[in-house]
Protein backbone atom coordinates (compact mmCIF):
# COMPACT_ATOMS: atom_id res chain seq x y z
CA PHE A 1 134.96 58.00 261.36
CA GLY A 2 137.08 60.02 258.97
CA ILE A 3 138.16 62.32 261.79
CA ALA A 4 139.02 59.38 264.08
CA SER A 5 141.62 58.06 261.67
CA VAL A 6 143.21 61.51 261.36
CA LEU A 7 143.30 62.05 265.12
CA GLN A 8 144.68 58.56 265.76
CA ARG A 9 147.55 59.27 263.37
CA GLU A 10 148.44 62.25 265.55
CA ASN A 11 147.88 60.46 268.87
CA GLN A 12 148.08 56.67 268.85
CA ASP A 13 146.84 56.52 272.46
CA LEU A 14 143.53 58.15 271.47
CA LYS A 15 140.45 56.10 272.37
CA VAL A 16 137.44 56.34 270.06
CA ILE A 17 134.23 55.97 272.05
CA ALA A 18 131.08 55.80 269.94
CA VAL A 19 127.76 56.90 271.44
CA ASP A 20 124.37 56.42 269.84
CA HIS A 21 120.65 56.15 270.49
CA ASN A 22 119.53 52.90 272.08
CA ARG A 23 117.51 51.86 269.01
CA SER A 24 120.26 52.39 266.46
CA VAL A 25 121.73 49.63 264.32
CA ILE A 26 124.74 51.64 263.11
CA PHE A 27 127.21 49.85 265.36
CA GLY A 28 126.17 46.34 264.44
CA ALA A 29 123.33 45.55 266.84
CA ARG A 30 120.32 43.90 265.22
CA ALA A 31 116.98 45.62 265.76
CA THR A 32 115.60 42.57 267.60
CA ARG A 33 118.54 42.59 270.01
CA ILE A 34 118.13 46.31 270.65
CA SER A 35 114.41 45.95 271.40
CA LYS A 36 115.13 43.31 274.03
CA MET A 37 118.00 45.35 275.47
CA CYS A 38 116.18 48.67 275.74
CA ARG A 39 112.40 48.39 276.06
CA GLU A 40 111.84 51.62 277.92
CA THR A 41 111.35 53.85 274.89
CA SER A 42 111.00 53.90 271.15
CA GLU A 43 111.32 57.67 270.88
CA GLN A 44 113.67 58.88 268.20
CA ILE A 45 116.28 61.60 268.48
CA LEU A 46 117.07 63.69 265.43
CA ALA A 47 120.53 62.90 264.00
CA MET A 48 120.90 59.75 266.12
CA GLY A 49 119.61 56.19 265.95
CA ALA A 50 119.78 55.08 262.32
CA GLY A 51 117.56 52.17 261.30
CA ILE A 52 120.03 50.85 258.73
CA PRO A 53 123.73 50.04 259.06
CA MET A 54 126.02 52.68 257.55
CA GLY A 55 128.63 51.59 255.04
CA ASN A 56 131.04 54.41 255.89
CA VAL A 57 131.67 53.42 259.53
CA ASN A 58 135.04 51.82 260.21
CA PHE A 59 134.22 49.71 263.26
CA GLU A 60 137.88 48.79 263.76
CA LEU A 61 138.54 52.36 264.92
CA CYS A 62 135.97 52.12 267.75
CA ASP A 63 137.43 51.13 271.09
CA GLU A 64 134.00 51.19 272.74
CA VAL A 65 130.37 51.55 271.65
CA HIS A 66 127.61 52.71 274.02
CA TRP A 67 123.86 52.87 273.36
CA VAL A 68 122.01 55.42 275.50
CA PRO A 69 118.21 55.48 275.98
CA VAL A 70 116.30 58.71 275.40
CA PRO A 71 115.23 59.22 279.05
CA LYS A 72 118.89 59.09 280.14
CA MET A 73 119.86 61.60 277.42
CA VAL A 74 117.14 64.01 278.56
CA GLN A 75 118.04 63.57 282.23
CA MET A 76 121.69 64.40 281.47
CA VAL A 77 120.68 67.49 279.46
CA HIS A 78 118.65 68.81 282.42
CA ASP A 79 121.35 67.95 284.96
CA PHE A 80 124.02 69.64 282.84
CA HIS A 81 121.87 72.76 282.40
CA ARG A 82 121.22 72.94 286.16
CA ARG A 83 124.95 72.71 286.90
CA THR A 84 126.29 74.97 284.14
CA GLY A 85 123.44 77.07 282.75
CA MET A 86 124.43 75.87 279.27
CA LEU A 87 121.85 74.62 276.79
CA VAL A 88 122.77 71.42 274.96
CA GLY A 89 120.81 68.87 272.95
CA PRO A 90 120.04 65.19 273.45
CA SER A 91 123.08 63.93 271.55
CA SER A 92 125.23 65.90 274.00
CA GLY A 93 123.21 64.33 276.80
CA ALA A 94 124.15 60.90 275.44
CA ALA A 95 127.83 61.82 275.33
CA LEU A 96 127.64 63.27 278.85
CA ALA A 97 125.98 60.08 280.14
CA VAL A 98 128.79 57.92 278.78
CA ALA A 99 131.49 60.33 279.98
CA GLU A 100 130.01 60.33 283.49
CA TRP A 101 129.72 56.53 283.48
CA ARG A 102 133.36 56.16 282.41
CA ALA A 103 134.66 58.73 284.93
């Protein structure tokens, strides 16, 4: 979250909303808790869903954390492509899912 701290210095009203794969432990969820929370898939997404906590994440900068299951990511990618014609990947699908939910 190096960029979050820089952006928050410029705009103190900025909200940092973290989005990750539903089987990730980066944001403090234990693997057993995640399995109970999200049983629908164990598929992995490249560049998302770490199996070990990261030491370089400053959790105090996160206003919200959302875990998104793979089927929802894929659904959002297809919906976005249908609406816009743009090609995006699953991590964008996760961000779109959270943005739509918050809207």
